[in-house]
PDB file of all heavy atoms in Angstrom:
ATOM      1  N   GLY A   1      44.512  66.217  39.457  1.00  0.00           N
ATOM      2  CA  GLY A   1      45.688  65.265  39.105  1.00  0.00           C
ATOM      3  C   GLY A   1      45.511  64.713  37.827  1.00  0.00           C
ATOM      4  O   GLY A   1      46.449  64.123  37.301  1.00  0.00           O
ATOM      5  N   SER A   2      44.366  64.803  37.133  1.00  0.00           N
ATOM      6  CA  SER A   2      44.250  64.242  35.777  1.00  0.00           C
ATOM      7  C   SER A   2      44.798  65.300  34.841  1.00  0.00           C
ATOM      8  O   SER A   2      45.248  66.423  35.238  1.00  0.00           O
ATOM      9  CB  SER A   2      42.751  64.176  35.425  1.00  0.00           C
ATOM     10  OG  SER A   2      42.122  63.090  36.206  1.00  0.00           O
ATOM     11  N   LEU A   3      44.833  65.034  33.560  1.00  0.00           N
ATOM     12  CA  LEU A   3      45.336  66.033  32.490  1.00  0.00           C
ATOM     13  C   LEU A   3      44.284  65.997  31.407  1.00  0.00           C
ATOM     14  O   LEU A   3      43.689  64.958  31.025  1.00  0.00           O
ATOM     15  CB  LEU A   3      46.676  65.520  32.012  1.00  0.00           C
ATOM     16  CG  LEU A   3      47.834  65.525  32.988  1.00  0.00           C
ATOM     17  CD1 LEU A   3      48.174  64.066  33.341  1.00  0.00           C
ATOM     18  CD2 LEU A   3      49.045  66.343  32.584  1.00  0.00           C
ATOM     19  N   ALA A   4      44.115  67.241  30.861  1.00  0.00           N
ATOM     20  CA  ALA A   4      43.268  67.388  29.747  1.00  0.00           C
ATOM     21  C   ALA A   4      44.068  67.386  28.429  1.00  0.00           C
ATOM     22  O   ALA A   4      45.005  68.147  28.467  1.00  0.00           O
ATOM     23  CB  ALA A   4      42.304  68.647  29.781  1.00  0.00           C
ATOM     24  N   ILE A   5      43.783  66.673  27.426  1.00  0.00           N
ATOM     25  CA  ILE A   5      44.612  66.540  26.206  1.00  0.00           C
ATOM     26  C   ILE A   5      43.770  66.915  25.070  1.00  0.00           C
ATOM     27  O   ILE A   5      42.563  66.364  24.846  1.00  0.00           O
ATOM     28  CB  ILE A   5      45.097  65.106  26.002  1.00  0.00           C
ATOM     29  CG1 ILE A   5      45.799  64.668  27.234  1.00  0.00           C
ATOM     30  CG2 ILE A   5      46.105  65.099  24.763  1.00  0.00           C
ATOM     31  CD1 ILE A   5      46.120  63.133  27.247  1.00  0.00           C
ATOM     32  N   GLY A   6      44.176  67.876  24.247  1.00  0.00           N
ATOM     33  CA  GLY A   6      43.457  68.239  22.972  1.00  0.00           C
ATOM     34  C   GLY A   6      44.412  67.751  21.818  1.00  0.00           C
ATOM     35  O   GLY A   6      45.478  68.126  21.669  1.00  0.00           O
ATOM     36  N   VAL A   7      43.816  67.003  20.847  1.00  0.00           N
ATOM     37  CA  VAL A   7      44.516  66.759  19.630  1.00  0.00           C
ATOM     38  C   VAL A   7      43.782  67.412  18.519  1.00  0.00           C
ATOM     39  O   VAL A   7      42.682  67.099  18.103  1.00  0.00           O
ATOM     40  CB  VAL A   7      44.567  65.196  19.368  1.00  0.00           C
ATOM     41  CG1 VAL A   7      45.333  64.859  18.124  1.00  0.00           C
ATOM     42  CG2 VAL A   7      45.096  64.444  20.608  1.00  0.00           C
ATOM     43  N   LEU A   8      44.503  68.396  17.950  1.00  0.00           N
ATOM     44  CA  LEU A   8      43.843  69.320  16.931  1.00  0.00           C
ATOM     45  C   LEU A   8      44.374  68.783  15.635  1.00  0.00           C
ATOM     46  O   LEU A   8      45.524  68.537  15.335  1.00  0.00           O
ATOM     47  CB  LEU A   8      44.336  70.643  17.145  1.00  0.00           C
ATOM     48  CG  LEU A   8      43.862  71.753  15.969  1.00  0.00           C
ATOM     49  CD1 LEU A   8      42.405  71.970  15.960  1.00  0.00           C
ATOM     50  CD2 LEU A   8      44.631  73.049  16.164  1.00  0.00           C
ATOM     51  N   ASN A   9      43.444  68.580  14.630  1.00  0.00           N
ATOM     52  CA  ASN A   9      43.756  68.231  13.273  1.00  0.00           C
ATOM     53  C   ASN A   9      43.352  69.385  12.283  1.00  0.00           C
ATOM     54  O   ASN A   9      42.289  69.773  12.130  1.00  0.00           O
ATOM     55  CB  ASN A   9      42.895  66.941  12.876  1.00  0.00           C
ATOM     56  CG  ASN A   9      43.103  66.566  11.385  1.00  0.00           C
ATOM     57  OD1 ASN A   9      44.132  67.015  10.779  1.00  0.00           O
ATOM     58  ND2 ASN A   9      42.164  65.822  10.876  1.00  0.00           N
ATOM     59  N   LYS A  10      44.441  70.036  11.843  1.00  0.00           N
ATOM     60  CA  LYS A  10      44.271  71.175  10.987  1.00  0.00           C
ATOM     61  C   LYS A  10      43.970  70.786   9.553  1.00  0.00           C
ATOM     62  O   LYS A  10      43.444  71.535   8.617  1.00  0.00           O
ATOM     63  CB  LYS A  10      45.554  72.009  10.846  1.00  0.00           C
ATOM     64  CG  LYS A  10      45.835  72.826  12.160  1.00  0.00           C
ATOM     65  CD  LYS A  10      47.155  73.736  11.906  1.00  0.00           C
ATOM     66  CE  LYS A  10      47.417  74.490  13.042  1.00  0.00           C
ATOM     67  NZ  LYS A  10      48.680  75.227  12.864  1.00  0.00           N
ATOM     68  N   ASN A  11      44.262  69.505   9.138  1.00  0.00           N
ATOM     69  CA  ASN A  11      44.020  69.003   7.869  1.00  0.00           C
ATOM     70  C   ASN A  11      42.573  69.059   7.378  1.00  0.00           C
ATOM     71  O   ASN A  11      41.738  68.649   8.139  1.00  0.00           O
ATOM     72  CB  ASN A  11      44.520  67.477   7.795  1.00  0.00           C
ATOM     73  CG  ASN A  11      44.808  67.055   6.305  1.00  0.00           C
ATOM     74  OD1 ASN A  11      43.823  67.075   5.604  1.00  0.00           O
ATOM     75  ND2 ASN A  11      45.999  66.555   6.083  1.00  0.00           N
ATOM     76  N   ASN A  12      42.398  69.579   6.284  1.00  0.00           N
ATOM     77  CA  ASN A  12      40.968  69.692   5.809  1.00  0.00           C
ATOM     78  C   ASN A  12      40.539  68.647   4.753  1.00  0.00           C
ATOM     79  O   ASN A  12      39.585  68.872   4.085  1.00  0.00           O
ATOM     80  CB  ASN A  12      40.632  71.176   5.291  1.00  0.00           C
ATOM     81  CG  ASN A  12      41.619  71.505   4.099  1.00  0.00           C
ATOM     82  OD1 ASN A  12      42.357  70.713   3.577  1.00  0.00           O
ATOM     83  ND2 ASN A  12      41.603  72.835   3.719  1.00  0.00           N
ATOM     84  N   GLU A  13      41.464  67.649   4.465  1.00  0.00           N
ATOM     85  CA  GLU A  13      41.122  66.574   3.677  1.00  0.00           C
ATOM     86  C   GLU A  13      39.949  65.673   4.279  1.00  0.00           C
ATOM     87  O   GLU A  13      39.950  65.511   5.510  1.00  0.00           O
ATOM     88  CB  GLU A  13      42.272  65.791   3.282  1.00  0.00           C
ATOM     89  CG  GLU A  13      43.333  66.555   2.432  1.00  0.00           C
ATOM     90  CD  GLU A  13      44.491  65.767   2.019  1.00  0.00           C
ATOM     91  OE1 GLU A  13      44.521  64.450   2.299  1.00  0.00           O
ATOM     92  OE2 GLU A  13      45.563  66.362   1.533  1.00  0.00           O
ATOM     93  N   GLY A  14      39.134  65.073   3.327  1.00  0.00           N
ATOM     94  CA  GLY A  14      37.885  64.573   3.894  1.00  0.00           C
ATOM     95  C   GLY A  14      37.850  63.261   4.515  1.00  0.00           C
ATOM     96  O   GLY A  14      37.010  62.398   4.199  1.00  0.00           O
ATOM     97  N   THR A  15      38.873  62.970   5.425  1.00  0.00           N
ATOM     98  CA  THR A  15      38.805  61.868   6.228  1.00  0.00           C
ATOM     99  C   THR A  15      39.433  62.045   7.604  1.00  0.00           C
ATOM    100  O   THR A  15      40.461  62.870   7.709  1.00  0.00           O
ATOM    101  CB  THR A  15      39.560  60.682   5.369  1.00  0.00           C
ATOM    102  OG1 THR A  15      39.344  59.474   6.157  1.00  0.00           O
ATOM    103  CG2 THR A  15      41.022  61.014   5.240  1.00  0.00           C
ATOM    104  N   PRO A  16      39.012  61.385   8.551  1.00  0.00           N
ATOM    105  CA  PRO A  16      39.649  61.486   9.868  1.00  0.00           C
ATOM    106  C   PRO A  16      41.101  61.026   9.866  1.00  0.00           C
ATOM    107  O   PRO A  16      41.406  60.084   9.197  1.00  0.00           O
ATOM    108  CB  PRO A  16      38.785  60.620  10.753  1.00  0.00           C
ATOM    109  CG  PRO A  16      37.552  60.636  10.255  1.00  0.00           C
ATOM    110  CD  PRO A  16      37.740  60.599   8.700  1.00  0.00           C
ATOM    111  N   VAL A  17      41.990  61.715  10.622  1.00  0.00           N
ATOM    112  CA  VAL A  17      43.324  61.392  10.691  1.00  0.00           C
ATOM    113  C   VAL A  17      43.658  60.474  11.902  1.00  0.00           C
ATOM    114  O   VAL A  17      43.222  60.913  13.017  1.00  0.00           O
ATOM    115  CB  VAL A  17      44.300  62.633  10.783  1.00  0.00           C
ATOM    116  CG1 VAL A  17      45.698  62.289  10.991  1.00  0.00           C
ATOM    117  CG2 VAL A  17      44.188  63.455   9.519  1.00  0.00           C
ATOM    118  N   PRO A  18      44.165  59.311  11.748  1.00  0.00           N
ATOM    119  CA  PRO A  18      44.635  58.577  12.984  1.00  0.00           C
ATOM    120  C   PRO A  18      45.860  59.119  13.621  1.00  0.00           C
ATOM    121  O   PRO A  18      46.844  59.455  12.953  1.00  0.00           O
ATOM    122  CB  PRO A  18      44.951  57.084  12.288  1.00  0.00           C
ATOM    123  CG  PRO A  18      45.398  57.420  10.945  1.00  0.00           C
ATOM    124  CD  PRO A  18      44.636  58.657  10.403  1.00  0.00           C
ATOM    125  N   PHE A  19      45.686  59.138  14.967  1.00  0.00           N
ATOM    126  CA  PHE A  19      46.838  59.574  15.762  1.00  0.00           C
ATOM    127  C   PHE A  19      47.195  58.466  16.721  1.00  0.00           C
ATOM    128  O   PHE A  19      46.478  58.097  17.548  1.00  0.00           O
ATOM    129  CB  PHE A  19      46.518  60.897  16.511  1.00  0.00           C
ATOM    130  CG  PHE A  19      47.570  61.367  17.458  1.00  0.00           C
ATOM    131  CD1 PHE A  19      48.794  61.665  17.063  1.00  0.00           C
ATOM    132  CD2 PHE A  19      47.324  61.346  18.862  1.00  0.00           C
ATOM    133  CE1 PHE A  19      49.779  62.133  17.869  1.00  0.00           C
ATOM    134  CE2 PHE A  19      48.274  61.903  19.667  1.00  0.00           C
ATOM    135  CZ  PHE A  19      49.532  62.157  19.224  1.00  0.00           C
ATOM    136  N   LYS A  20      48.453  57.920  16.484  1.00  0.00           N
ATOM    137  CA  LYS A  20      48.858  56.716  17.364  1.00  0.00           C
ATOM    138  C   LYS A  20      50.051  57.255  18.266  1.00  0.00           C
ATOM    139  O   LYS A  20      50.887  57.862  17.882  1.00  0.00           O
ATOM    140  CB  LYS A  20      49.368  55.690  16.419  1.00  0.00           C
ATOM    141  CG  LYS A  20      49.763  54.452  17.157  1.00  0.00           C
ATOM    142  CD  LYS A  20      50.180  53.364  16.242  1.00  0.00           C
ATOM    143  CE  LYS A  20      50.523  52.050  16.932  1.00  0.00           C
ATOM    144  NZ  LYS A  20      50.886  51.023  15.943  1.00  0.00           N
ATOM    145  N   THR A  21      49.848  57.052  19.524  1.00  0.00           N
ATOM    146  CA  THR A  21      50.878  57.481  20.530  1.00  0.00           C
ATOM    147  C   THR A  21      50.722  56.558  21.762  1.00  0.00           C
ATOM    148  O   THR A  21      49.912  55.637  21.861  1.00  0.00           O
ATOM    149  CB  THR A  21      50.631  58.968  20.855  1.00  0.00           C
ATOM    150  OG1 THR A  21      51.597  59.425  21.712  1.00  0.00           O
ATOM    151  CG2 THR A  21      49.334  58.999  21.660  1.00  0.00           C
ATOM    152  N   SER A  22      51.471  56.907  22.764  1.00  0.00           N
ATOM    153  CA  SER A  22      51.457  56.239  24.085  1.00  0.00           C
ATOM    154  C   SER A  22      51.708  57.409  25.123  1.00  0.00           C
ATOM    155  O   SER A  22      52.145  58.510  24.815  1.00  0.00           O
ATOM    156  CB  SER A  22      52.466  55.221  24.317  1.00  0.00           C
ATOM    157  OG  SER A  22      53.795  55.790  24.436  1.00  0.00           O
ATOM    158  N   PHE A  23      51.211  57.171  26.303  1.00  0.00           N
ATOM    159  CA  PHE A  23      51.399  58.149  27.336  1.00  0.00           C
ATOM    160  C   PHE A  23      53.023  58.454  27.407  1.00  0.00           C
ATOM    161  O   PHE A  23      53.335  59.652  27.830  1.00  0.00           O
ATOM    162  CB  PHE A  23      50.829  57.741  28.586  1.00  0.00           C
ATOM    163  CG  PHE A  23      49.286  57.786  28.625  1.00  0.00           C
ATOM    164  CD1 PHE A  23      48.697  56.586  28.689  1.00  0.00           C
ATOM    165  CD2 PHE A  23      48.646  58.922  28.371  1.00  0.00           C
ATOM    166  CE1 PHE A  23      47.240  56.563  28.659  1.00  0.00           C
ATOM    167  CE2 PHE A  23      47.194  58.876  28.291  1.00  0.00           C
ATOM    168  CZ  PHE A  23      46.599  57.800  28.449  1.00  0.00           C
ATOM    169  N   ALA A  24      53.848  57.440  27.430  1.00  0.00           N
ATOM    170  CA  ALA A  24      55.286  57.753  27.563  1.00  0.00           C
ATOM    171  C   ALA A  24      55.735  58.630  26.461  1.00  0.00           C
ATOM    172  O   ALA A  24      56.514  59.510  26.590  1.00  0.00           O
ATOM    173  CB  ALA A  24      55.972  56.384  27.517  1.00  0.00           C
ATOM    174  N   ASP A  25      55.194  58.409  25.136  1.00  0.00           N
ATOM    175  CA  ASP A  25      55.572  59.310  23.986  1.00  0.00           C
ATOM    176  C   ASP A  25      55.144  60.752  24.314  1.00  0.00           C
ATOM    177  O   ASP A  25      55.718  61.653  23.881  1.00  0.00           O
ATOM    178  CB  ASP A  25      54.920  58.812  22.797  1.00  0.00           C
ATOM    179  CG  ASP A  25      55.542  57.440  22.337  1.00  0.00           C
ATOM    180  OD1 ASP A  25      56.606  57.116  22.720  1.00  0.00           O
ATOM    181  OD2 ASP A  25      54.725  56.768  21.516  1.00  0.00           O
ATOM    182  N   LEU A  26      54.067  60.858  25.135  1.00  0.00           N
ATOM    183  CA  LEU A  26      53.558  62.312  25.469  1.00  0.00           C
ATOM    184  C   LEU A  26      54.298  62.802  26.524  1.00  0.00           C
ATOM    185  O   LEU A  26      53.990  63.944  26.921  1.00  0.00           O
ATOM    186  CB  LEU A  26      52.127  62.229  25.645  1.00  0.00           C
ATOM    187  CG  LEU A  26      51.179  61.829  24.491  1.00  0.00           C
ATOM    188  CD1 LEU A  26      49.752  61.629  24.892  1.00  0.00           C
ATOM    189  CD2 LEU A  26      51.374  62.769  23.204  1.00  0.00           C
ATOM    190  N   GLY A  27      55.156  62.143  27.216  1.00  0.00           N
ATOM    191  CA  GLY A  27      55.970  62.621  28.375  1.00  0.00           C
ATOM    192  C   GLY A  27      55.268  62.520  29.708  1.00  0.00           C
ATOM    193  O   GLY A  27      55.752  63.078  30.670  1.00  0.00           O
ATOM    194  N   PHE A  28      54.234  61.624  29.745  1.00  0.00           N
ATOM    195  CA  PHE A  28      53.594  61.366  31.009  1.00  0.00           C
ATOM    196  C   PHE A  28      54.384  60.358  31.798  1.00  0.00           C
ATOM    197  O   PHE A  28      55.139  59.599  31.174  1.00  0.00           O
ATOM    198  CB  PHE A  28      52.131  60.845  30.788  1.00  0.00           C
ATOM    199  CG  PHE A  28      51.134  61.898  30.178  1.00  0.00           C
ATOM    200  CD1 PHE A  28      51.661  62.975  29.666  1.00  0.00           C
ATOM    201  CD2 PHE A  28      49.802  61.610  30.040  1.00  0.00           C
ATOM    202  CE1 PHE A  28      50.710  63.901  29.101  1.00  0.00           C
ATOM    203  CE2 PHE A  28      48.917  62.476  29.503  1.00  0.00           C
ATOM    204  CZ  PHE A  28      49.440  63.615  29.047  1.00  0.00           C
ATOM    205  N   SER A  29      54.120  60.270  33.099  1.00  0.00           N
ATOM    206  CA  SER A  29      55.145  59.488  33.880  1.00  0.00           C
ATOM    207  C   SER A  29      54.548  58.552  34.829  1.00  0.00           C
ATOM    208  O   SER A  29      55.256  57.733  35.555  1.00  0.00           O
ATOM    209  CB  SER A  29      56.058  60.421  34.611  1.00  0.00           C
ATOM    210  OG  SER A  29      55.292  61.288  35.468  1.00  0.00           O
ATOM    211  N   ASN A  30      53.152  58.519  35.060  1.00  0.00           N
ATOM    212  CA  ASN A  30      52.571  57.677  36.022  1.00  0.00           C
ATOM    213  C   ASN A  30      52.765  56.211  35.704  1.00  0.00           C
ATOM    214  O   ASN A  30      52.303  55.743  34.552  1.00  0.00           O
ATOM    215  CB  ASN A  30      51.078  57.870  36.233  1.00  0.00           C
ATOM    216  CG  ASN A  30      50.384  56.952  37.221  1.00  0.00           C
ATOM    217  OD1 ASN A  30      50.856  57.053  38.468  1.00  0.00           O
ATOM    218  ND2 ASN A  30      49.379  56.263  36.855  1.00  0.00           N
ATOM    219  N   LYS A  31      53.485  55.402  36.461  1.00  0.00           N
ATOM    220  CA  LYS A  31      53.997  54.151  36.101  1.00  0.00           C
ATOM    221  C   LYS A  31      52.894  53.181  35.886  1.00  0.00           C
ATOM    222  O   LYS A  31      52.967  52.118  35.149  1.00  0.00           O
ATOM    223  CB  LYS A  31      54.952  53.615  37.163  1.00  0.00           C
ATOM    224  CG  LYS A  31      54.282  53.397  38.546  1.00  0.00           C
ATOM    225  CD  LYS A  31      55.315  52.888  39.547  1.00  0.00           C
ATOM    226  CE  LYS A  31      54.717  52.678  40.896  1.00  0.00           C
ATOM    227  NZ  LYS A  31      55.736  52.142  41.881  1.00  0.00           N
ATOM    228  N   ASN A  32      51.684  53.382  36.458  1.00  0.00           N
ATOM    229  CA  ASN A  32      50.512  52.484  36.362  1.00  0.00           C
ATOM    230  C   ASN A  32      49.676  52.797  35.131  1.00  0.00           C
ATOM    231  O   ASN A  32      48.638  52.058  34.915  1.00  0.00           O
ATOM    232  CB  ASN A  32      49.628  52.464  37.608  1.00  0.00           C
ATOM    233  CG  ASN A  32      50.389  51.950  38.850  1.00  0.00           C
ATOM    234  OD1 ASN A  32      51.159  50.979  38.680  1.00  0.00           O
ATOM    235  ND2 ASN A  32      50.187  52.605  39.977  1.00  0.00           N
ATOM    236  N   GLY A  33      50.035  53.856  34.374  1.00  0.00           N
ATOM    237  CA  GLY A  33      49.194  54.164  33.235  1.00  0.00           C
ATOM    238  C   GLY A  33      48.122  55.145  33.559  1.00  0.00           C
ATOM    239  O   GLY A  33      47.943  55.658  34.702  1.00  0.00           O
ATOM    240  N   TYR A  34      47.104  55.258  32.634  1.00  0.00           N
ATOM    241  CA  TYR A  34      46.065  56.250  32.772  1.00  0.00           C
ATOM    242  C   TYR A  34      44.695  55.666  32.067  1.00  0.00           C
ATOM    243  O   TYR A  34      44.765  54.788  31.278  1.00  0.00           O
ATOM    244  CB  TYR A  34      46.428  57.446  31.937  1.00  0.00           C
ATOM    245  CG  TYR A  34      47.600  58.150  32.558  1.00  0.00           C
ATOM    246  CD1 TYR A  34      48.932  57.811  32.193  1.00  0.00           C
ATOM    247  CD2 TYR A  34      47.495  59.301  33.386  1.00  0.00           C
ATOM    248  CE1 TYR A  34      50.072  58.496  32.610  1.00  0.00           C
ATOM    249  CE2 TYR A  34      48.588  59.950  33.923  1.00  0.00           C
ATOM    250  CZ  TYR A  34      49.838  59.599  33.535  1.00  0.00           C
ATOM    251  OH  TYR A  34      50.934  60.217  34.040  1.00  0.00           O
ATOM    252  N   SER A  35      43.692  56.164  32.626  1.00  0.00           N
ATOM    253  CA  SER A  35      42.356  55.917  32.040  1.00  0.00           C
ATOM    254  C   SER A  35      42.000  57.068  31.114  1.00  0.00           C
ATOM    255  O   SER A  35      41.948  58.240  31.592  1.00  0.00           O
ATOM    256  CB  SER A  35      41.324  55.644  33.133  1.00  0.00           C
ATOM    257  OG  SER A  35      39.962  55.498  32.575  1.00  0.00           O
TER     258      SER A  35
END
C-alpha cells in the first residue's frame, strides 16, 4: 500500500537541486498524509 518515489536530477552542475512539492501536488490522495 506504500509507494516508492524516485526523484532523478539530470543536472550536472555542482550543487544539489532542491525539489519542493506536496503529496497533493504529486497526485496522492490519502487524506491523513504520508510518512
